[in-house]
Amino acid sequence: MNSVRVVGLGPGEKAYILPAAIEAIQKADILIGAQRHLDAFSEYGKQTFCIAHRFEQMIGFIKEKANKQNIAVVVSGDTGFYSLLRYLKSNLPDQEFDVIPGISSITLMFARLGFMYDDAFTTSMHGKELDVARIVREYKKVGLLTDGKATPAAIAQKLESAGVKGKLMAIGERLSYADEKISKLTPEQAKKYEADLLSVVVIYDEDIRV
């Protein structure tokens, strides 16, 4: 059975895709991923399978094709940080995987701020309820992937309502692209800020240096 490659595409801009990831995509017979990712590599003329919430069909497709063709599943960011890899391994327990990491947007955001993140709390807010105020009080640095519900403004409102003091919020939008924007705001300012739908937020102590 051929190994299925799971390939991290980084934060978005092609300059941030690792050479090993490009090589894996070039060698693949089939690319699986979101339509925007497949469109980004249309120049290679590969057979494609667009996921578009068709997760069960994707599993069946991989089972059918993996013995005969080389498959690369392309995912946003890093393969080890809230990616499709967990679902693939849970639903294809007998399949071998070759995992190629990418640069996550969380990694890039901390780099933009010049902060270490090995002592930070990091998570995704996608589809989950989180006691942000408690976590922010416990950690000097908190990195969050936001979504349409858990927006930076909603997070800021929770912090203000809980009486959290001495924190700043850095909001990263369109990270890695030419129109990238990073805003450093107080929670009071951030609660009125309309951010891009998929933003990265880092909440940190006002006096932090690294």
C-alpha atoms as a PDB file:
ATOM      1  CA  MET A   1       0.000   0.000   0.000  1.00  0.00           C
ATOM      2  CA  ASN A   2       1.314   3.453  -0.907  1.00  0.00           C
ATOM      3  CA  SER A   3       1.759   5.950   1.897  1.00  0.00           C
ATOM      4  CA  VAL A   4      -0.658   8.845   1.748  1.00  0.00           C
ATOM      5  CA  ARG A   5       1.147  12.133   2.137  1.00  0.00           C
ATOM      6  CA  VAL A   6      -0.461  14.740   4.382  1.00  0.00           C
ATOM      7  CA  VAL A   7       1.062  18.068   3.447  1.00  0.00           C
ATOM      8  CA  GLY A   8       0.976  21.297   5.437  1.00  0.00           C
ATOM      9  CA  LEU A   9       0.668  24.376   3.209  1.00  0.00           C
ATOM     10  CA  GLY A  10       1.589  26.991   5.786  1.00  0.00           C
ATOM     11  CA  PRO A  11      -0.337  30.210   6.474  1.00  0.00           C
ATOM     12  CA  GLY A  12      -1.294  30.946   2.869  1.00  0.00           C
ATOM     13  CA  GLU A  13       1.323  32.662   0.736  1.00  0.00           C
ATOM     14  CA  LYS A  14       3.331  30.199  -1.390  1.00  0.00           C
ATOM     15  CA  ALA A  15       6.629  31.670  -0.170  1.00  0.00           C
ATOM     16  CA  TYR A  16       5.882  30.060   3.198  1.00  0.00           C
ATOM     17  CA  ILE A  17       5.372  26.536   1.822  1.00  0.00           C
ATOM     18  CA  LEU A  18       8.302  24.230   2.559  1.00  0.00           C
ATOM     19  CA  PRO A  19      10.219  22.844  -0.446  1.00  0.00           C
ATOM     20  CA  ALA A  20       9.461  19.301   0.778  1.00  0.00           C
ATOM     21  CA  ALA A  21       5.746  20.088   0.567  1.00  0.00           C
ATOM     22  CA  ILE A  22       6.049  21.361  -3.017  1.00  0.00           C
ATOM     23  CA  GLU A  23       7.988  18.234  -3.970  1.00  0.00           C
ATOM     24  CA  ALA A  24       5.302  15.981  -2.461  1.00  0.00           C
ATOM     25  CA  ILE A  25       2.606  17.818  -4.405  1.00  0.00           C
ATOM     26  CA  GLN A  26       4.564  17.565  -7.647  1.00  0.00           C
ATOM     27  CA  LYS A  27       5.038  13.805  -7.197  1.00  0.00           C
ATOM     28  CA  ALA A  28       1.400  13.091  -6.343  1.00  0.00           C
ATOM     29  CA  ASP A  29      -1.042  11.634  -8.859  1.00  0.00           C
ATOM     30  CA  ILE A  30      -4.029  12.915  -6.868  1.00  0.00           C
ATOM     31  CA  LEU A  31      -4.470  15.993  -4.687  1.00  0.00           C
ATOM     32  CA  ILE A  32      -7.153  16.069  -1.989  1.00  0.00           C
ATOM     33  CA  GLY A  33      -8.099  19.260  -0.189  1.00  0.00           C
ATOM     34  CA  ALA A  34     -10.298  22.330   0.013  1.00  0.00           C
ATOM     35  CA  GLN A  35     -11.110  23.916  -3.330  1.00  0.00           C
ATOM     36  CA  ARG A  36      -8.991  27.007  -2.650  1.00  0.00           C
ATOM     37  CA  HIS A  37      -5.966  24.784  -2.045  1.00  0.00           C
ATOM     38  CA  LEU A  38      -6.600  22.706  -5.153  1.00  0.00           C
ATOM     39  CA  ASP A  39      -6.977  25.873  -7.212  1.00  0.00           C
ATOM     40  CA  ALA A  40      -3.586  27.082  -5.952  1.00  0.00           C
ATOM     41  CA  PHE A  41      -1.921  24.062  -7.567  1.00  0.00           C
ATOM     42  CA  SER A  42      -4.021  23.763 -10.726  1.00  0.00           C
ATOM     43  CA  GLU A  43      -0.893  24.446 -12.800  1.00  0.00           C
ATOM     44  CA  TYR A  44       0.306  20.912 -12.058  1.00  0.00           C
ATOM     45  CA  GLY A  45      -2.694  19.349 -13.777  1.00  0.00           C
ATOM     46  CA  LYS A  46      -3.338  16.742 -11.079  1.00  0.00           C
ATOM     47  CA  GLN A  47      -6.458  14.693 -10.572  1.00  0.00           C
ATOM     48  CA  THR A  48      -8.249  16.263  -7.617  1.00  0.00           C
ATOM     49  CA  PHE A  49     -10.835  15.492  -4.969  1.00  0.00           C
ATOM     50  CA  CYS A  50     -12.463  18.486  -3.281  1.00  0.00           C
ATOM     51  CA  ILE A  51     -13.419  17.726   0.304  1.00  0.00           C
ATOM     52  CA  ALA A  52     -16.186  20.352   0.700  1.00  0.00           C
ATOM     53  CA  HIS A  53     -17.593  18.554   3.787  1.00  0.00           C
ATOM     54  CA  ARG A  54     -17.534  15.195   1.952  1.00  0.00           C
ATOM     55  CA  PHE A  55     -15.423  13.530   4.606  1.00  0.00           C
ATOM     56  CA  GLU A  56     -16.949  10.050   4.370  1.00  0.00           C
ATOM     57  CA  GLN A  57     -16.633  10.092   0.588  1.00  0.00           C
ATOM     58  CA  MET A  58     -13.010  11.193   0.961  1.00  0.00           C
ATOM     59  CA  ILE A  59     -12.239   8.170   3.151  1.00  0.00           C
ATOM     60  CA  GLY A  60     -13.805   5.839   0.602  1.00  0.00           C
ATOM     61  CA  PHE A  61     -11.932   7.555  -2.213  1.00  0.00           C
ATOM     62  CA  ILE A  62      -8.589   7.112  -0.449  1.00  0.00           C
ATOM     63  CA  LYS A  63      -9.323   3.452   0.260  1.00  0.00           C
ATOM     64  CA  GLU A  64     -10.081   2.919  -3.406  1.00  0.00           C
ATOM     65  CA  LYS A  65      -7.114   4.832  -4.851  1.00  0.00           C
ATOM     66  CA  ALA A  66      -4.229   4.535  -2.387  1.00  0.00           C
ATOM     67  CA  ASN A  67      -3.064   1.107  -3.606  1.00  0.00           C
ATOM     68  CA  LYS A  68      -2.732   2.262  -7.191  1.00  0.00           C
ATOM     69  CA  GLN A  69      -1.888   5.975  -7.109  1.00  0.00           C
ATOM     70  CA  ASN A  70       0.111   8.448  -5.054  1.00  0.00           C
ATOM     71  CA  ILE A  71      -2.145  10.691  -2.982  1.00  0.00           C
ATOM     72  CA  ALA A  72      -1.319  13.977  -1.271  1.00  0.00           C
ATOM     73  CA  VAL A  73      -3.826  15.505   1.126  1.00  0.00           C
ATOM     74  CA  VAL A  74      -3.115  19.219   1.426  1.00  0.00           C
ATOM     75  CA  VAL A  75      -4.110  21.113   4.590  1.00  0.00           C
ATOM     76  CA  SER A  76      -3.817  24.663   5.851  1.00  0.00           C
ATOM     77  CA  GLY A  77      -1.041  25.604   8.243  1.00  0.00           C
ATOM     78  CA  ASP A  78       0.747  22.804  10.054  1.00  0.00           C
ATOM     79  CA  THR A  79      -0.301  19.157   9.888  1.00  0.00           C
ATOM     80  CA  GLY A  80       0.074  18.822  13.670  1.00  0.00           C
ATOM     81  CA  PHE A  81      -2.085  21.787  14.717  1.00  0.00           C
ATOM     82  CA  TYR A  82      -5.852  21.297  14.253  1.00  0.00           C
ATOM     83  CA  SER A  83      -5.565  19.730  10.821  1.00  0.00           C
ATOM     84  CA  LEU A  84      -7.283  16.906   8.965  1.00  0.00           C
ATOM     85  CA  LEU A  85      -4.548  14.477  10.020  1.00  0.00           C
ATOM     86  CA  ARG A  86      -6.397  13.383  13.173  1.00  0.00           C
ATOM     87  CA  TYR A  87      -9.541  12.538  11.204  1.00  0.00           C
ATOM     88  CA  LEU A  88      -7.583  10.657   8.545  1.00  0.00           C
ATOM     89  CA  LYS A  89      -5.698   8.514  11.042  1.00  0.00           C
ATOM     90  CA  SER A  90      -8.859   7.780  13.036  1.00  0.00           C
ATOM     91  CA  ASN A  91     -10.799   6.658   9.976  1.00  0.00           C
ATOM     92  CA  LEU A  92      -7.986   4.928   8.074  1.00  0.00           C
ATOM     93  CA  PRO A  93      -6.275   2.949  10.850  1.00  0.00           C
ATOM     94  CA  ASP A  94      -4.512   0.573   8.438  1.00  0.00           C
ATOM     95  CA  GLN A  95      -3.244   3.275   6.121  1.00  0.00           C
ATOM     96  CA  GLU A  96       0.376   4.451   6.258  1.00  0.00           C
ATOM     97  CA  PHE A  97       0.910   8.214   6.261  1.00  0.00           C
ATOM     98  CA  ASP A  98       3.885  10.345   5.365  1.00  0.00           C
ATOM     99  CA  VAL A  99       3.400  13.647   7.169  1.00  0.00           C
ATOM    100  CA  ILE A 100       5.067  16.845   5.941  1.00  0.00           C
ATOM    101  CA  PRO A 101       4.671  19.745   8.362  1.00  0.00           C
ATOM    102  CA  GLY A 102       3.975  23.355   7.522  1.00  0.00           C
ATOM    103  CA  ILE A 103       4.232  26.724   9.242  1.00  0.00           C
ATOM    104  CA  SER A 104       1.091  27.373  11.259  1.00  0.00           C
ATOM    105  CA  SER A 105      -0.494  30.815  11.407  1.00  0.00           C
ATOM    106  CA  ILE A 106       0.019  30.700  15.182  1.00  0.00           C
ATOM    107  CA  THR A 107       3.766  30.203  14.638  1.00  0.00           C
ATOM    108  CA  LEU A 108       3.895  33.073  12.165  1.00  0.00           C
ATOM    109  CA  MET A 109       1.902  35.383  14.432  1.00  0.00           C
ATOM    110  CA  PHE A 110       4.221  34.837  17.380  1.00  0.00           C
ATOM    111  CA  ALA A 111       7.181  35.414  15.069  1.00  0.00           C
ATOM    112  CA  ARG A 112       5.680  38.694  13.865  1.00  0.00           C
ATOM    113  CA  LEU A 113       5.413  39.807  17.495  1.00  0.00           C
ATOM    114  CA  GLY A 114       8.944  38.621  18.294  1.00  0.00           C
ATOM    115  CA  PHE A 115       7.614  36.345  21.041  1.00  0.00           C
ATOM    116  CA  MET A 116       8.539  32.822  22.073  1.00  0.00           C
ATOM    117  CA  TYR A 117       5.509  30.539  22.231  1.00  0.00           C
ATOM    118  CA  ASP A 118       6.864  27.475  24.041  1.00  0.00           C
ATOM    119  CA  ASP A 119       5.376  28.895  27.258  1.00  0.00           C
ATOM    120  CA  ALA A 120       2.096  30.029  25.686  1.00  0.00           C
ATOM    121  CA  PHE A 121      -1.354  28.455  25.695  1.00  0.00           C
ATOM    122  CA  THR A 122      -2.451  27.883  22.109  1.00  0.00           C
ATOM    123  CA  THR A 123      -5.694  26.509  20.727  1.00  0.00           C
ATOM    124  CA  SER A 124      -8.386  26.934  18.092  1.00  0.00           C
ATOM    125  CA  MET A 125     -11.717  28.537  18.957  1.00  0.00           C
ATOM    126  CA  HIS A 126     -13.443  26.853  16.007  1.00  0.00           C
ATOM    127  CA  GLY A 127     -16.646  25.288  17.244  1.00  0.00           C
ATOM    128  CA  LYS A 128     -15.785  25.283  20.935  1.00  0.00           C
ATOM    129  CA  GLU A 129     -16.600  27.166  24.108  1.00  0.00           C
ATOM    130  CA  LEU A 130     -13.576  28.285  26.079  1.00  0.00           C
ATOM    131  CA  ASP A 131     -13.176  30.120  29.386  1.00  0.00           C
ATOM    132  CA  VAL A 132     -10.854  32.646  27.829  1.00  0.00           C
ATOM    133  CA  ALA A 133     -10.694  34.895  30.878  1.00  0.00           C
ATOM    134  CA  ARG A 134      -9.483  32.056  33.113  1.00  0.00           C
ATOM    135  CA  ILE A 135      -6.847  30.978  30.602  1.00  0.00           C
ATOM    136  CA  VAL A 136      -5.625  34.531  30.044  1.00  0.00           C
ATOM    137  CA  ARG A 137      -5.211  35.003  33.786  1.00  0.00           C
ATOM    138  CA  GLU A 138      -3.234  31.756  34.006  1.00  0.00           C
ATOM    139  CA  TYR A 139      -0.897  32.344  31.045  1.00  0.00           C
ATOM    140  CA  LYS A 140       1.177  35.375  30.085  1.00  0.00           C
ATOM    141  CA  LYS A 141       0.655  34.581  26.402  1.00  0.00           C
ATOM    142  CA  VAL A 142      -2.379  32.994  24.744  1.00  0.00           C
ATOM    143  CA  GLY A 143      -2.642  32.278  21.005  1.00  0.00           C
ATOM    144  CA  LEU A 144      -6.068  31.650  19.481  1.00  0.00           C
ATOM    145  CA  LEU A 145      -7.393  30.774  16.035  1.00  0.00           C
ATOM    146  CA  THR A 146     -10.720  32.592  15.709  1.00  0.00           C
ATOM    147  CA  ASP A 147     -13.835  31.994  13.621  1.00  0.00           C
ATOM    148  CA  GLY A 148     -17.079  33.717  12.688  1.00  0.00           C
ATOM    149  CA  LYS A 149     -18.553  33.255  16.171  1.00  0.00           C
ATOM    150  CA  ALA A 150     -15.489  33.511  18.400  1.00  0.00           C
ATOM    151  CA  THR A 151     -14.299  36.747  16.811  1.00  0.00           C
ATOM    152  CA  PRO A 152     -11.569  38.960  18.283  1.00  0.00           C
ATOM    153  CA  ALA A 153     -14.318  41.415  19.302  1.00  0.00           C
ATOM    154  CA  ALA A 154     -16.277  38.667  21.100  1.00  0.00           C
ATOM    155  CA  ILE A 155     -13.128  37.496  22.875  1.00  0.00           C
ATOM    156  CA  ALA A 156     -12.336  41.063  23.942  1.00  0.00           C
ATOM    157  CA  GLN A 157     -15.873  41.473  25.285  1.00  0.00           C
ATOM    158  CA  LYS A 158     -15.444  38.352  27.429  1.00  0.00           C
ATOM    159  CA  LEU A 159     -12.176  39.661  28.840  1.00  0.00           C
ATOM    160  CA  GLU A 160     -13.677  43.038  29.678  1.00  0.00           C
ATOM    161  CA  SER A 161     -16.796  41.511  31.222  1.00  0.00           C
ATOM    162  CA  ALA A 162     -14.589  39.314  33.431  1.00  0.00           C
ATOM    163  CA  GLY A 163     -12.575  42.325  34.569  1.00  0.00           C
ATOM    164  CA  VAL A 164      -9.281  41.149  33.077  1.00  0.00           C
ATOM    165  CA  LYS A 165      -6.662  43.902  33.320  1.00  0.00           C
ATOM    166  CA  GLY A 166      -3.104  44.495  32.113  1.00  0.00           C
ATOM    167  CA  LYS A 167      -3.455  42.633  28.803  1.00  0.00           C
ATOM    168  CA  LEU A 168      -3.049  43.569  25.158  1.00  0.00           C
ATOM    169  CA  MET A 169      -4.512  41.827  22.123  1.00  0.00           C
ATOM    170  CA  ALA A 170      -2.609  41.454  18.869  1.00  0.00           C
ATOM    171  CA  ILE A 171      -4.911  40.602  15.957  1.00  0.00           C
ATOM    172  CA  GLY A 172      -3.337  39.122  12.833  1.00  0.00           C
ATOM    173  CA  GLU A 173      -5.282  39.233   9.573  1.00  0.00           C
ATOM    174  CA  ARG A 174      -4.310  37.807   6.172  1.00  0.00           C
ATOM    175  CA  LEU A 175      -1.047  36.563   7.624  1.00  0.00           C
ATOM    176  CA  SER A 176       1.762  36.019   5.078  1.00  0.00           C
ATOM    177  CA  TYR A 177      -0.063  37.871   2.268  1.00  0.00           C
ATOM    178  CA  ALA A 178       0.866  41.265   0.841  1.00  0.00           C
ATOM    179  CA  ASP A 179      -2.097  42.869   2.627  1.00  0.00           C
ATOM    180  CA  GLU A 180      -1.231  41.308   5.993  1.00  0.00           C
ATOM    181  CA  LYS A 181      -2.373  43.428   8.927  1.00  0.00           C
ATOM    182  CA  ILE A 182      -1.428  43.199  12.600  1.00  0.00           C
ATOM    183  CA  SER A 183      -3.214  45.404  15.122  1.00  0.00           C
ATOM    184  CA  LYS A 184      -2.180  45.774  18.774  1.00  0.00           C
ATOM    185  CA  LEU A 185      -5.155  46.853  20.850  1.00  0.00           C
ATOM    186  CA  THR A 186      -6.486  46.928  24.382  1.00  0.00           C
ATOM    187  CA  PRO A 187      -9.510  44.689  24.992  1.00  0.00           C
ATOM    188  CA  GLU A 188     -11.626  47.864  25.153  1.00  0.00           C
ATOM    189  CA  GLN A 189     -10.444  48.832  21.671  1.00  0.00           C
ATOM    190  CA  ALA A 190     -10.636  45.282  20.318  1.00  0.00           C
ATOM    191  CA  LYS A 191     -14.295  44.793  21.290  1.00  0.00           C
ATOM    192  CA  LYS A 192     -15.187  47.359  18.606  1.00  0.00           C
ATOM    193  CA  TYR A 193     -12.792  46.012  15.985  1.00  0.00           C
ATOM    194  CA  GLU A 194     -14.178  44.192  12.936  1.00  0.00           C
ATOM    195  CA  ALA A 195     -11.535  41.645  12.010  1.00  0.00           C
ATOM    196  CA  ASP A 196     -11.161  39.276   9.096  1.00  0.00           C
ATOM    197  CA  LEU A 197     -13.252  36.113   9.538  1.00  0.00           C
ATOM    198  CA  LEU A 198     -10.250  33.840  10.114  1.00  0.00           C
ATOM    199  CA  SER A 199      -7.871  35.815  12.290  1.00  0.00           C
ATOM    200  CA  VAL A 200      -5.191  34.913  14.797  1.00  0.00           C
ATOM    201  CA  VAL A 201      -5.249  36.563  18.213  1.00  0.00           C
ATOM    202  CA  VAL A 202      -2.424  36.678  20.728  1.00  0.00           C
ATOM    203  CA  ILE A 203      -3.350  37.989  24.174  1.00  0.00           C
ATOM    204  CA  TYR A 204      -0.354  38.931  26.290  1.00  0.00           C
ATOM    205  CA  ASP A 205       0.808  40.858  29.345  1.00  0.00           C
ATOM    206  CA  GLU A 206       1.402  44.543  28.666  1.00  0.00           C
ATOM    207  CA  ASP A 207       4.986  44.398  29.958  1.00  0.00           C
ATOM    208  CA  ILE A 208       6.074  41.191  28.210  1.00  0.00           C
ATOM    209  CA  ARG A 209       9.253  41.284  26.148  1.00  0.00           C
ATOM    210  CA  VAL A 210       9.730  37.791  24.751  1.00  0.00           C
END
